[in-house]
Amino acid sequence: QVQLVESGGGLVQAGGSLRLSCAASGRTGSVYAMGWFRQAPGKERGFVAAISWSGGRTSYADSVKGRFTISRDNAKNTMYLQMNSLKPEDTAVYYCAQRGGTSLYTASREYAYWGQGTQVTVSS
């Protein structure tokens, strides 16, 4: 089993920045892709970004391209999401997720393990 724990959420003004972290523990020895998703009140969970095992491949939702950066440090079993130029519409619970394979997917059903989420609130 794999355990994922997000941190770094909070309240920030529009235009501000936050850095989310996702710490993985458990059976983390295999090669796998990871991703970030978010869910706003009354909306479905949606894709934000994904990253390959090496970090050499990334994928972003159009709504966050140019503002968010996904990265990972495999030595620390930690993934990050740097969020800049935040907008009120970025307000959501952010979840990190891990796949059982190496391909990047945007569909949440492709991810086997999930964290409990961290709240990000952007005020206008």
Protein backbone atom coordinates (compact mmCIF):
# COMPACT_ATOMS: atom_id res chain seq x y z
CA GLN A 1 0.00 0.00 0.00
CA VAL A 2 0.98 3.60 -0.57
CA GLN A 3 0.08 6.49 1.70
CA LEU A 4 -0.02 10.04 0.35
CA VAL A 5 -0.19 13.14 2.53
CA GLU A 6 -0.68 16.63 1.10
CA SER A 7 0.37 19.84 2.81
CA GLY A 8 0.86 23.50 2.01
CA GLY A 9 -2.68 24.62 1.39
CA GLY A 10 -4.13 27.77 2.88
CA LEU A 11 -5.72 31.13 2.26
CA VAL A 12 -4.07 33.50 -0.20
CA GLN A 13 -5.08 36.64 -2.05
CA ALA A 14 -5.56 36.65 -5.78
CA GLY A 15 -2.23 36.98 -7.53
CA GLY A 16 -0.41 35.24 -4.72
CA SER A 17 1.46 31.94 -4.61
CA LEU A 18 1.36 28.67 -2.74
CA ARG A 19 3.46 25.53 -2.87
CA LEU A 20 1.78 22.22 -2.23
CA SER A 21 3.68 19.12 -1.20
CA CYS A 22 2.71 15.46 -1.37
CA ALA A 23 4.72 13.04 0.74
CA ALA A 24 4.53 9.37 -0.20
CA SER A 25 5.24 6.44 2.08
CA GLY A 26 4.74 2.71 1.99
CA ARG A 27 5.50 0.71 -1.17
CA THR A 28 7.13 3.55 -3.11
CA GLY A 29 9.90 1.52 -4.71
CA SER A 30 8.26 1.05 -8.11
CA VAL A 31 8.43 3.43 -11.04
CA TYR A 32 5.19 5.39 -11.26
CA ALA A 33 3.60 8.62 -12.44
CA MET A 34 1.88 11.03 -10.10
CA GLY A 35 -0.61 13.80 -10.44
CA TRP A 36 -2.54 16.61 -8.84
CA PHE A 37 -6.31 16.96 -9.01
CA ARG A 38 -8.72 19.44 -7.48
CA GLN A 39 -12.35 19.57 -6.52
CA ALA A 40 -14.33 22.74 -5.95
CA PRO A 41 -17.66 22.73 -4.09
CA GLY A 42 -20.41 21.32 -6.27
CA LYS A 43 -18.00 20.26 -9.01
CA GLU A 44 -16.37 17.02 -10.02
CA ARG A 45 -12.77 16.29 -9.27
CA GLY A 46 -10.66 17.56 -12.15
CA PHE A 47 -7.15 17.11 -13.46
CA VAL A 48 -4.53 19.74 -12.69
CA ALA A 49 -1.13 18.31 -13.56
CA ALA A 50 0.81 15.07 -13.87
CA ILE A 51 4.48 14.12 -13.88
CA SER A 52 6.47 11.08 -14.94
CA TRP A 53 8.78 9.11 -12.69
CA SER A 54 11.88 10.96 -13.87
CA GLY A 55 10.16 14.32 -14.00
CA GLY A 56 11.06 14.63 -17.66
CA ARG A 57 7.45 14.54 -18.82
CA THR A 58 4.69 16.74 -17.48
CA SER A 59 1.12 17.50 -18.40
CA TYR A 60 -1.10 20.40 -17.34
CA ALA A 61 -4.72 21.37 -17.56
CA ASP A 62 -5.18 24.35 -19.87
CA SER A 63 -6.53 26.42 -16.99
CA VAL A 64 -3.25 26.26 -15.08
CA LYS A 65 -0.64 26.25 -17.86
CA GLY A 66 1.95 28.93 -17.35
CA ARG A 67 0.92 29.47 -13.73
CA PHE A 68 1.45 26.09 -12.03
CA THR A 69 4.55 23.91 -12.04
CA ILE A 70 4.64 20.26 -11.01
CA SER A 71 7.88 18.67 -9.84
CA ARG A 72 9.09 15.76 -7.75
CA ASP A 73 12.05 14.69 -5.66
CA ASN A 74 12.21 10.89 -5.69
CA ALA A 75 14.98 10.83 -3.09
CA LYS A 76 12.50 12.44 -0.70
CA ASN A 77 9.44 10.59 -2.06
CA THR A 78 7.80 13.97 -2.43
CA MET A 79 5.91 15.72 -5.23
CA TYR A 80 5.25 19.44 -5.41
CA LEU A 81 2.88 21.86 -7.06
CA GLN A 82 4.07 25.44 -7.28
CA MET A 83 1.06 27.66 -7.86
CA ASN A 84 1.62 31.25 -8.96
CA SER A 85 -0.74 34.01 -10.06
CA LEU A 86 -3.56 32.34 -8.19
CA LYS A 87 -7.14 33.21 -9.09
CA PRO A 88 -10.35 32.84 -7.09
CA GLU A 89 -11.40 30.06 -9.47
CA ASP A 90 -8.41 28.03 -8.26
CA THR A 91 -10.18 27.63 -4.92
CA ALA A 92 -10.63 23.91 -4.29
CA VAL A 93 -9.45 20.92 -2.32
CA TYR A 94 -6.26 19.72 -3.98
CA TYR A 95 -5.46 16.01 -4.04
CA CYS A 96 -2.30 14.21 -4.99
CA ALA A 97 -2.51 10.83 -6.62
CA GLN A 98 -0.24 8.03 -7.75
CA ARG A 99 -0.63 5.64 -10.64
CA GLY A 100 0.46 2.05 -10.85
CA GLY A 101 2.22 2.77 -14.14
CA THR A 102 4.43 5.30 -15.82
CA SER A 103 2.12 6.89 -18.39
CA LEU A 104 0.59 10.29 -17.78
CA TYR A 105 -3.19 10.32 -17.61
CA THR A 106 -5.69 13.07 -16.94
CA ALA A 107 -8.53 10.79 -15.83
CA SER A 108 -8.82 10.27 -12.10
CA ARG A 109 -9.83 6.62 -12.61
CA GLU A 110 -6.29 5.89 -13.81
CA TYR A 111 -4.83 6.67 -10.39
CA ALA A 112 -4.80 4.00 -7.71
CA TYR A 113 -3.75 5.90 -4.60
CA TRP A 114 -5.02 9.21 -3.24
CA GLY A 115 -4.25 11.60 -0.45
CA GLN A 116 -6.90 13.17 1.75
CA GLY A 117 -6.54 16.60 0.19
CA THR A 118 -5.52 20.08 1.23
CA GLN A 119 -7.73 23.15 0.98
CA VAL A 120 -6.63 26.08 -1.17
CA THR A 121 -8.70 29.24 -0.91
CA VAL A 122 -7.98 32.27 -3.09
CA SER A 123 -9.69 35.49 -2.09
CA SER A 124 -10.49 38.25 -4.55
